[in-house]
C-alpha atoms as a PDB file:
ATOM      1  CA  UNK A   1     164.488-243.282  20.747  1.00  0.00           C
ATOM      2  CA  UNK A   2     166.024-246.608  21.608  1.00  0.00           C
ATOM      3  CA  UNK A   3     168.768-249.046  20.957  1.00  0.00           C
ATOM      4  CA  UNK A   4     170.856-251.617  22.652  1.00  0.00           C
ATOM      5  CA  UNK A   5     171.619-255.147  23.693  1.00  0.00           C
ATOM      6  CA  UNK A   6     169.571-255.340  26.977  1.00  0.00           C
ATOM      7  CA  UNK A   7     165.901-255.656  27.335  1.00  0.00           C
ATOM      8  CA  UNK A   8     164.155-252.703  28.965  1.00  0.00           C
ATOM      9  CA  UNK A   9     162.714-254.048  32.354  1.00  0.00           C
ATOM     10  CA  UNK A  10     158.981-254.097  32.198  1.00  0.00           C
ATOM     11  CA  UNK A  11     157.848-251.814  34.677  1.00  0.00           C
ATOM     12  CA  UNK A  12     154.227-251.551  34.028  1.00  0.00           C
ATOM     13  CA  UNK A  13     152.320-250.896  37.232  1.00  0.00           C
ATOM     14  CA  UNK A  14     151.066-254.273  38.697  1.00  0.00           C
ATOM     15  CA  UNK A  15     147.261-254.537  38.994  1.00  0.00           C
ATOM     16  CA  UNK A  16     146.686-255.549  42.907  1.00  0.00           C
ATOM     17  CA  UNK A  17     143.119-256.387  42.502  1.00  0.00           C
ATOM     18  CA  UNK A  18     141.876-259.927  43.053  1.00  0.00           C
ATOM     19  CA  UNK A  19     142.625-262.048  39.914  1.00  0.00           C
ATOM     20  CA  UNK A  20     139.811-263.327  37.810  1.00  0.00           C
ATOM     21  CA  UNK A  21     138.477-263.874  34.199  1.00  0.00           C
ATOM     22  CA  UNK A  22     139.408-260.699  32.322  1.00  0.00           C
ATOM     23  CA  UNK A  23     136.587-258.787  30.839  1.00  0.00           C
ATOM     24  CA  UNK A  24     135.339-259.642  27.304  1.00  0.00           C
ATOM     25  CA  UNK A  25     136.152-256.101  26.181  1.00  0.00           C
ATOM     26  CA  UNK A  26     139.852-256.574  26.650  1.00  0.00           C
ATOM     27  CA  UNK A  27     139.802-259.471  23.969  1.00  0.00           C
ATOM     28  CA  UNK A  28     140.267-257.095  20.800  1.00  0.00           C
ATOM     29  CA  UNK A  29     143.352-255.497  22.524  1.00  0.00           C
ATOM     30  CA  UNK A  30     144.991-258.851  23.226  1.00  0.00           C
ATOM     31  CA  UNK A  31     144.337-259.934  19.835  1.00  0.00           C
ATOM     32  CA  UNK A  32     145.639-256.809  18.327  1.00  0.00           C
ATOM     33  CA  UNK A  33     148.786-257.131  20.610  1.00  0.00           C
ATOM     34  CA  UNK A  34     149.472-260.724  19.233  1.00  0.00           C
ATOM     35  CA  UNK A  35     149.063-259.467  15.781  1.00  0.00           C
ATOM     36  CA  UNK A  36     151.604-256.998  16.319  1.00  0.00           C
ATOM     37  CA  UNK A  37     154.135-259.520  17.743  1.00  0.00           C
ATOM     38  CA  UNK A  38     153.330-261.953  14.742  1.00  0.00           C
ATOM     39  CA  UNK A  39     153.501-259.313  12.021  1.00  0.00           C
ATOM     40  CA  UNK A  40     156.772-257.504  13.457  1.00  0.00           C
ATOM     41  CA  UNK A  41     158.606-260.797  13.980  1.00  0.00           C
ATOM     42  CA  UNK A  42     157.689-261.867  10.407  1.00  0.00           C
ATOM     43  CA  UNK A  43     159.153-258.714   8.950  1.00  0.00           C
ATOM     44  CA  UNK A  44     162.464-259.108  10.915  1.00  0.00           C
ATOM     45  CA  UNK A  45     162.736-262.926  10.089  1.00  0.00           C
ATOM     46  CA  UNK A  46     162.234-262.051   6.216  1.00  0.00           C
ATOM     47  CA  UNK A  47     164.636-259.018   6.632  1.00  0.00           C
ATOM     48  CA  UNK A  48     167.406-261.168   8.306  1.00  0.00           C
ATOM     49  CA  UNK A  49     166.880-264.234   5.783  1.00  0.00           C
ATOM     50  CA  UNK A  50     166.920-261.692   3.096  1.00  0.00           C
ATOM     51  CA  UNK A  51     170.552-260.416   3.958  1.00  0.00           C
ATOM     52  CA  UNK A  52     171.528-264.329   4.473  1.00  0.00           C
ATOM     53  CA  UNK A  53     172.304-263.661   7.975  1.00  0.00           C
ATOM     54  CA  UNK A  54     171.648-266.917  10.367  1.00  0.00           C
ATOM     55  CA  UNK A  55     169.771-266.463  13.445  1.00  0.00           C
ATOM     56  CA  UNK A  56     172.671-267.371  15.679  1.00  0.00           C
ATOM     57  CA  UNK A  57     174.845-265.206  13.794  1.00  0.00           C
ATOM     58  CA  UNK A  58     172.446-262.122  14.223  1.00  0.00           C
ATOM     59  CA  UNK A  59     172.386-263.089  17.967  1.00  0.00           C
ATOM     60  CA  UNK A  60     176.145-263.192  18.196  1.00  0.00           C
ATOM     61  CA  UNK A  61     176.498-259.881  16.684  1.00  0.00           C
ATOM     62  CA  UNK A  62     174.118-258.109  18.985  1.00  0.00           C
ATOM     63  CA  UNK A  63     175.289-259.925  22.042  1.00  0.00           C
ATOM     64  CA  UNK A  64     172.186-261.545  22.890  1.00  0.00           C
ATOM     65  CA  UNK A  65     170.881-265.122  23.216  1.00  0.00           C
ATOM     66  CA  UNK A  66     169.482-266.969  19.905  1.00  0.00           C
ATOM     67  CA  UNK A  67     166.379-267.757  21.745  1.00  0.00           C
ATOM     68  CA  UNK A  68     165.504-264.348  22.201  1.00  0.00           C
ATOM     69  CA  UNK A  69     165.894-263.545  18.493  1.00  0.00           C
ATOM     70  CA  UNK A  70     163.815-266.582  17.741  1.00  0.00           C
ATOM     71  CA  UNK A  71     161.137-265.608  20.358  1.00  0.00           C
ATOM     72  CA  UNK A  72     160.894-262.076  18.785  1.00  0.00           C
ATOM     73  CA  UNK A  73     160.667-263.461  15.338  1.00  0.00           C
ATOM     74  CA  UNK A  74     157.964-266.087  16.041  1.00  0.00           C
ATOM     75  CA  UNK A  75     155.870-263.509  17.928  1.00  0.00           C
ATOM     76  CA  UNK A  76     156.378-265.015  21.235  1.00  0.00           C
ATOM     77  CA  UNK A  77     158.031-261.881  22.777  1.00  0.00           C
ATOM     78  CA  UNK A  78     157.945-258.092  22.147  1.00  0.00           C
ATOM     79  CA  UNK A  79     161.281-256.542  21.625  1.00  0.00           C
ATOM     80  CA  UNK A  80     162.303-253.548  23.883  1.00  0.00           C
ATOM     81  CA  UNK A  81     163.070-250.401  22.085  1.00  0.00           C
ATOM     82  CA  UNK A  82     166.751-250.862  22.358  1.00  0.00           C
ATOM     83  CA  UNK A  83     166.815-254.562  20.990  1.00  0.00           C
ATOM     84  CA  UNK A  84     164.658-253.483  18.147  1.00  0.00           C
ATOM     85  CA  UNK A  85     166.776-250.722  17.101  1.00  0.00           C
ATOM     86  CA  UNK A  86     169.847-252.933  17.481  1.00  0.00           C
ATOM     87  CA  UNK A  87     168.274-255.529  15.182  1.00  0.00           C
ATOM     88  CA  UNK A  88     167.121-252.871  12.545  1.00  0.00           C
ATOM     89  CA  UNK A  89     170.632-251.274  12.706  1.00  0.00           C
ATOM     90  CA  UNK A  90     172.418-254.595  12.149  1.00  0.00           C
ATOM     91  CA  UNK A  91     170.215-255.164   9.199  1.00  0.00           C
ATOM     92  CA  UNK A  92     170.824-251.809   7.810  1.00  0.00           C
ATOM     93  CA  UNK A  93     167.479-250.921   7.157  1.00  0.00           C
ATOM     94  CA  UNK A  94     165.243-247.726   7.805  1.00  0.00           C
ATOM     95  CA  UNK A  95     163.242-248.124  10.901  1.00  0.00           C
ATOM     96  CA  UNK A  96     160.162-247.152   8.827  1.00  0.00           C
ATOM     97  CA  UNK A  97     160.717-250.153   6.412  1.00  0.00           C
ATOM     98  CA  UNK A  98     160.637-252.648   9.455  1.00  0.00           C
ATOM     99  CA  UNK A  99     158.401-251.118  12.044  1.00  0.00           C
ATOM    100  CA  UNK A 100     156.006-249.519   9.718  1.00  0.00           C
ATOM    101  CA  UNK A 101     155.400-251.843   6.745  1.00  0.00           C
ATOM    102  CA  UNK A 102     154.462-249.865   3.714  1.00  0.00           C
ATOM    103  CA  UNK A 103     152.489-252.980   2.495  1.00  0.00           C
ATOM    104  CA  UNK A 104     150.318-252.963   5.695  1.00  0.00           C
ATOM    105  CA  UNK A 105     146.628-251.840   5.089  1.00  0.00           C
ATOM    106  CA  UNK A 106     146.248-248.163   6.084  1.00  0.00           C
ATOM    107  CA  UNK A 107     143.143-248.827   7.860  1.00  0.00           C
ATOM    108  CA  UNK A 108     144.810-251.058  10.246  1.00  0.00           C
ATOM    109  CA  UNK A 109     145.857-249.989  13.682  1.00  0.00           C
ATOM    110  CA  UNK A 110     147.769-252.263  15.776  1.00  0.00           C
ATOM    111  CA  UNK A 111     148.576-251.908  19.618  1.00  0.00           C
ATOM    112  CA  UNK A 112     146.324-248.564  19.823  1.00  0.00           C
ATOM    113  CA  UNK A 113     142.631-249.514  19.979  1.00  0.00           C
ATOM    114  CA  UNK A 114     140.592-247.766  17.300  1.00  0.00           C
ATOM    115  CA  UNK A 115     138.099-246.671  19.682  1.00  0.00           C
ATOM    116  CA  UNK A 116     140.489-244.134  20.990  1.00  0.00           C
ATOM    117  CA  UNK A 117     141.978-240.906  19.395  1.00  0.00           C
ATOM    118  CA  UNK A 118     145.504-240.776  18.230  1.00  0.00           C
ATOM    119  CA  UNK A 119     146.607-239.367  21.379  1.00  0.00           C
ATOM    120  CA  UNK A 120     145.214-241.996  23.533  1.00  0.00           C
ATOM    121  CA  UNK A 121     141.966-240.002  24.467  1.00  0.00           C
ATOM    122  CA  UNK A 122     138.484-241.146  23.976  1.00  0.00           C
ATOM    123  CA  UNK A 123     137.267-240.849  20.409  1.00  0.00           C
ATOM    124  CA  UNK A 124     134.284-238.874  19.605  1.00  0.00           C
ATOM    125  CA  UNK A 125     132.472-241.633  17.756  1.00  0.00           C
ATOM    126  CA  UNK A 126     132.063-239.292  14.628  1.00  0.00           C
ATOM    127  CA  UNK A 127     132.544-240.937  11.112  1.00  0.00           C
ATOM    128  CA  UNK A 128     135.652-240.344   9.675  1.00  0.00           C
ATOM    129  CA  UNK A 129     135.787-240.495   5.748  1.00  0.00           C
ATOM    130  CA  UNK A 130     137.875-243.004   4.190  1.00  0.00           C
ATOM    131  CA  UNK A 131     140.936-241.658   2.330  1.00  0.00           C
ATOM    132  CA  UNK A 132     141.899-242.501  -1.041  1.00  0.00           C
ATOM    133  CA  UNK A 133     145.023-244.494  -1.741  1.00  0.00           C
ATOM    134  CA  UNK A 134     148.268-242.247  -1.524  1.00  0.00           C
ATOM    135  CA  UNK A 135     146.441-239.455   0.306  1.00  0.00           C
ATOM    136  CA  UNK A 136     148.680-237.128   2.324  1.00  0.00           C
ATOM    137  CA  UNK A 137     146.044-237.071   5.153  1.00  0.00           C
ATOM    138  CA  UNK A 138     146.673-239.323   8.176  1.00  0.00           C
ATOM    139  CA  UNK A 139     143.640-239.437  10.390  1.00  0.00           C
ATOM    140  CA  UNK A 140     144.017-239.565  14.319  1.00  0.00           C
ATOM    141  CA  UNK A 141     141.637-242.792  14.497  1.00  0.00           C
ATOM    142  CA  UNK A 142     143.537-245.030  12.219  1.00  0.00           C
ATOM    143  CA  UNK A 143     147.432-244.410  12.691  1.00  0.00           C
ATOM    144  CA  UNK A 144     149.832-247.045  11.948  1.00  0.00           C
ATOM    145  CA  UNK A 145     151.019-248.151  15.545  1.00  0.00           C
ATOM    146  CA  UNK A 146     153.312-250.392  17.161  1.00  0.00           C
ATOM    147  CA  UNK A 147     153.471-251.239  20.908  1.00  0.00           C
ATOM    148  CA  UNK A 148     156.809-252.475  22.492  1.00  0.00           C
ATOM    149  CA  UNK A 149     158.039-253.847  25.685  1.00  0.00           C
ATOM    150  CA  UNK A 150     156.916-252.340  28.981  1.00  0.00           C
ATOM    151  CA  UNK A 151     153.971-250.717  27.028  1.00  0.00           C
ATOM    152  CA  UNK A 152     155.750-247.955  25.119  1.00  0.00           C
ATOM    153  CA  UNK A 153     154.094-247.140  21.890  1.00  0.00           C
ATOM    154  CA  UNK A 154     154.811-245.234  18.703  1.00  0.00           C
ATOM    155  CA  UNK A 155     152.087-243.984  16.126  1.00  0.00           C
ATOM    156  CA  UNK A 156     153.498-243.012  12.783  1.00  0.00           C
ATOM    157  CA  UNK A 157     152.228-239.307  11.947  1.00  0.00           C
ATOM    158  CA  UNK A 158     152.568-239.825   8.307  1.00  0.00           C
ATOM    159  CA  UNK A 159     150.091-241.306   5.965  1.00  0.00           C
ATOM    160  CA  UNK A 160     152.813-243.007   3.969  1.00  0.00           C
ATOM    161  CA  UNK A 161     156.202-244.408   5.110  1.00  0.00           C
ATOM    162  CA  UNK A 162     159.090-241.761   5.087  1.00  0.00           C
ATOM    163  CA  UNK A 163     162.483-243.352   5.182  1.00  0.00           C
ATOM    164  CA  UNK A 164     164.416-240.151   5.687  1.00  0.00           C
ATOM    165  CA  UNK A 165     162.137-238.836   8.791  1.00  0.00           C
ATOM    166  CA  UNK A 166     160.636-240.756  11.589  1.00  0.00           C
ATOM    167  CA  UNK A 167     157.570-238.355  12.544  1.00  0.00           C
ATOM    168  CA  UNK A 168     156.070-240.124  15.450  1.00  0.00           C
ATOM    169  CA  UNK A 169     153.626-239.727  18.432  1.00  0.00           C
ATOM    170  CA  UNK A 170     155.345-241.417  21.418  1.00  0.00           C
ATOM    171  CA  UNK A 171     153.892-242.644  24.706  1.00  0.00           C
ATOM    172  CA  UNK A 172     155.980-243.713  27.543  1.00  0.00           C
ATOM    173  CA  UNK A 173     153.898-245.370  30.661  1.00  0.00           C
ATOM    174  CA  UNK A 174     155.075-244.568  34.127  1.00  0.00           C
ATOM    175  CA  UNK A 175     158.309-246.358  34.843  1.00  0.00           C
ATOM    176  CA  UNK A 176     159.282-246.920  31.274  1.00  0.00           C
ATOM    177  CA  UNK A 177     162.742-246.136  29.735  1.00  0.00           C
ATOM    178  CA  UNK A 178     164.245-246.214  26.357  1.00  0.00           C
ATOM    179  CA  UNK A 179     167.332-248.317  27.615  1.00  0.00           C
ATOM    180  CA  UNK A 180     168.478-249.813  31.011  1.00  0.00           C
ATOM    181  CA  UNK A 181     169.690-247.203  33.314  1.00  0.00           C
ATOM    182  CA  UNK A 182     173.362-248.418  32.965  1.00  0.00           C
ATOM    183  CA  UNK A 183     173.456-247.969  29.087  1.00  0.00           C
ATOM    184  CA  UNK A 184     172.926-245.257  26.460  1.00  0.00           C
ATOM    185  CA  UNK A 185     172.419-245.413  22.707  1.00  0.00           C
ATOM    186  CA  UNK A 186     173.833-243.243  19.861  1.00  0.00           C
ATOM    187  CA  UNK A 187     172.948-243.147  16.186  1.00  0.00           C
ATOM    188  CA  UNK A 188     173.463-240.664  13.132  1.00  0.00           C
ATOM    189  CA  UNK A 189     171.044-237.781  12.659  1.00  0.00           C
ATOM    190  CA  UNK A 190     169.304-235.221  14.752  1.00  0.00           C
ATOM    191  CA  UNK A 191     166.195-235.597  17.152  1.00  0.00           C
ATOM    192  CA  UNK A 192     163.624-232.933  17.742  1.00  0.00           C
ATOM    193  CA  UNK A 193     160.860-233.596  20.660  1.00  0.00           C
ATOM    194  CA  UNK A 194     157.939-231.739  21.840  1.00  0.00           C
ATOM    195  CA  UNK A 195     156.218-232.936  25.125  1.00  0.00           C
ATOM    196  CA  UNK A 196     152.556-232.946  25.240  1.00  0.00           C
ATOM    197  CA  UNK A 197     151.874-234.404  28.557  1.00  0.00           C
ATOM    198  CA  UNK A 198     153.769-235.983  31.440  1.00  0.00           C
ATOM    199  CA  UNK A 199     157.382-235.449  32.456  1.00  0.00           C
ATOM    200  CA  UNK A 200     160.268-236.872  30.619  1.00  0.00           C
ATOM    201  CA  UNK A 201     163.823-237.258  31.722  1.00  0.00           C
ATOM    202  CA  UNK A 202     166.269-236.771  28.702  1.00  0.00           C
ATOM    203  CA  UNK A 203     169.869-237.868  29.393  1.00  0.00           C
ATOM    204  CA  UNK A 204     172.556-236.559  26.848  1.00  0.00           C
ATOM    205  CA  UNK A 205     176.181-237.607  27.692  1.00  0.00           C
ATOM    206  CA  UNK A 206     176.644-236.463  31.092  1.00  0.00           C
ATOM    207  CA  UNK A 207     173.910-234.043  31.458  1.00  0.00           C
ATOM    208  CA  UNK A 208     170.186-234.802  32.086  1.00  0.00           C
ATOM    209  CA  UNK A 209     167.117-232.508  31.366  1.00  0.00           C
ATOM    210  CA  UNK A 210     163.662-232.647  32.752  1.00  0.00           C
ATOM    211  CA  UNK A 211     160.849-231.762  30.148  1.00  0.00           C
ATOM    212  CA  UNK A 212     157.227-231.130  31.006  1.00  0.00           C
ATOM    213  CA  UNK A 213     154.247-230.330  28.828  1.00  0.00           C
ATOM    214  CA  UNK A 214     155.175-227.529  26.115  1.00  0.00           C
ATOM    215  CA  UNK A 215     158.913-228.023  26.502  1.00  0.00           C
ATOM    216  CA  UNK A 216     160.989-229.007  23.310  1.00  0.00           C
ATOM    217  CA  UNK A 217     164.477-230.452  22.747  1.00  0.00           C
ATOM    218  CA  UNK A 218     166.735-231.035  19.924  1.00  0.00           C
ATOM    219  CA  UNK A 219     170.223-232.671  19.864  1.00  0.00           C
ATOM    220  CA  UNK A 220     172.738-234.386  17.789  1.00  0.00           C
ATOM    221  CA  UNK A 221     172.062-238.183  18.109  1.00  0.00           C
ATOM    222  CA  UNK A 222     175.652-239.234  17.800  1.00  0.00           C
ATOM    223  CA  UNK A 223     175.773-238.111  21.430  1.00  0.00           C
ATOM    224  CA  UNK A 224     174.831-240.967  23.807  1.00  0.00           C
ATOM    225  CA  UNK A 225     171.378-240.501  25.198  1.00  0.00           C
ATOM    226  CA  UNK A 226     168.260-242.204  26.859  1.00  0.00           C
ATOM    227  CA  UNK A 227     164.698-241.341  27.853  1.00  0.00           C
ATOM    228  CA  UNK A 228     162.803-242.150  31.049  1.00  0.00           C
ATOM    229  CA  UNK A 229     159.444-241.272  32.386  1.00  0.00           C
ATOM    230  CA  UNK A 230     159.301-239.094  35.684  1.00  0.00           C
ATOM    231  CA  UNK A 231     156.464-239.706  38.264  1.00  0.00           C
ATOM    232  CA  UNK A 232     153.182-241.437  38.019  1.00  0.00           C
ATOM    233  CA  UNK A 233     151.940-239.820  34.572  1.00  0.00           C
ATOM    234  CA  UNK A 234     152.416-241.201  31.197  1.00  0.00           C
ATOM    235  CA  UNK A 235     154.607-239.153  28.834  1.00  0.00           C
ATOM    236  CA  UNK A 236     153.099-238.443  25.447  1.00  0.00           C
ATOM    237  CA  UNK A 237     155.181-236.374  22.909  1.00  0.00           C
ATOM    238  CA  UNK A 238     155.622-235.570  19.308  1.00  0.00           C
ATOM    239  CA  UNK A 239     158.975-236.648  18.020  1.00  0.00           C
ATOM    240  CA  UNK A 240     161.004-236.367  14.826  1.00  0.00           C
ATOM    241  CA  UNK A 241     164.352-238.299  14.015  1.00  0.00           C
ATOM    242  CA  UNK A 242     166.006-236.844  10.956  1.00  0.00           C
ATOM    243  CA  UNK A 243     168.864-238.794   9.162  1.00  0.00           C
ATOM    244  CA  UNK A 244     169.030-242.025  11.232  1.00  0.00           C
ATOM    245  CA  UNK A 245     171.180-244.710  10.196  1.00  0.00           C
ATOM    246  CA  UNK A 246     172.779-247.692  12.223  1.00  0.00           C
ATOM    247  CA  UNK A 247     172.371-247.604  15.914  1.00  0.00           C
ATOM    248  CA  UNK A 248     174.364-248.812  18.778  1.00  0.00           C
ATOM    249  CA  UNK A 249     174.362-249.061  22.549  1.00  0.00           C
ATOM    250  CA  UNK A 250     176.887-247.817  25.006  1.00  0.00           C
ATOM    251  CA  UNK A 251     177.381-248.618  28.719  1.00  0.00           C
ATOM    252  CA  UNK A 252     177.927-245.704  30.833  1.00  0.00           C
ATOM    253  CA  UNK A 253     181.668-246.695  31.164  1.00  0.00           C
ATOM    254  CA  UNK A 254     182.073-246.137  27.361  1.00  0.00           C
ATOM    255  CA  UNK A 255     180.742-242.810  27.453  1.00  0.00           C
ATOM    256  CA  UNK A 256     183.393-240.052  26.849  1.00  0.00           C
ATOM    257  CA  UNK A 257     183.232-236.240  26.722  1.00  0.00           C
END
């Protein structure tokens, strides 16, 4: 799912049209994205300070610059997947506790516009009934979401946080990857994935597998692995991670059979 010390290269397609004023309808998405940065950064800072770990000390442990940690915590920069998991792993916290704050309003969706369905398709415009507190139902129109560097997004598919299982809807835009090509990640637990659309390359150790719509995969997360999109179509997939704990990154040279 993602971890490591290096930022994922931002490979979003470049808009080659003549520059100009951005249409007004893009403003809500821009506000949502900044809200996401601020909210996530605040929770990461609070978790770090709650464990009495200085900013420079955390940066030293992760092998990144203090300025990168500062920019993430102040909402000036989005973390890559691998950087986010490295921070969460070092703080020894469940992913759900940081990425999907249980105190956040269940009606707020960050990073994915409410006008779209949970799978990124246009919504029907139908009125969805409000769920009572602690309802087991998670509506597709108001999933708790997070967007990361290079446009990768996760949507939590459970109505309430579950610290034992990550149950997610993933979206990887064309050209995106979970870690840089020279590094892999590993962590405790088992991953289960189902590809809904697009083509996803999954590297596990020295082997690579190409998954298309309807294909599934499961593997031991202690094996070094990485994900990357193939082709010009975004990948959308349903993903489970069971039993995740600390996460670490590996350079290719460190991978052993």
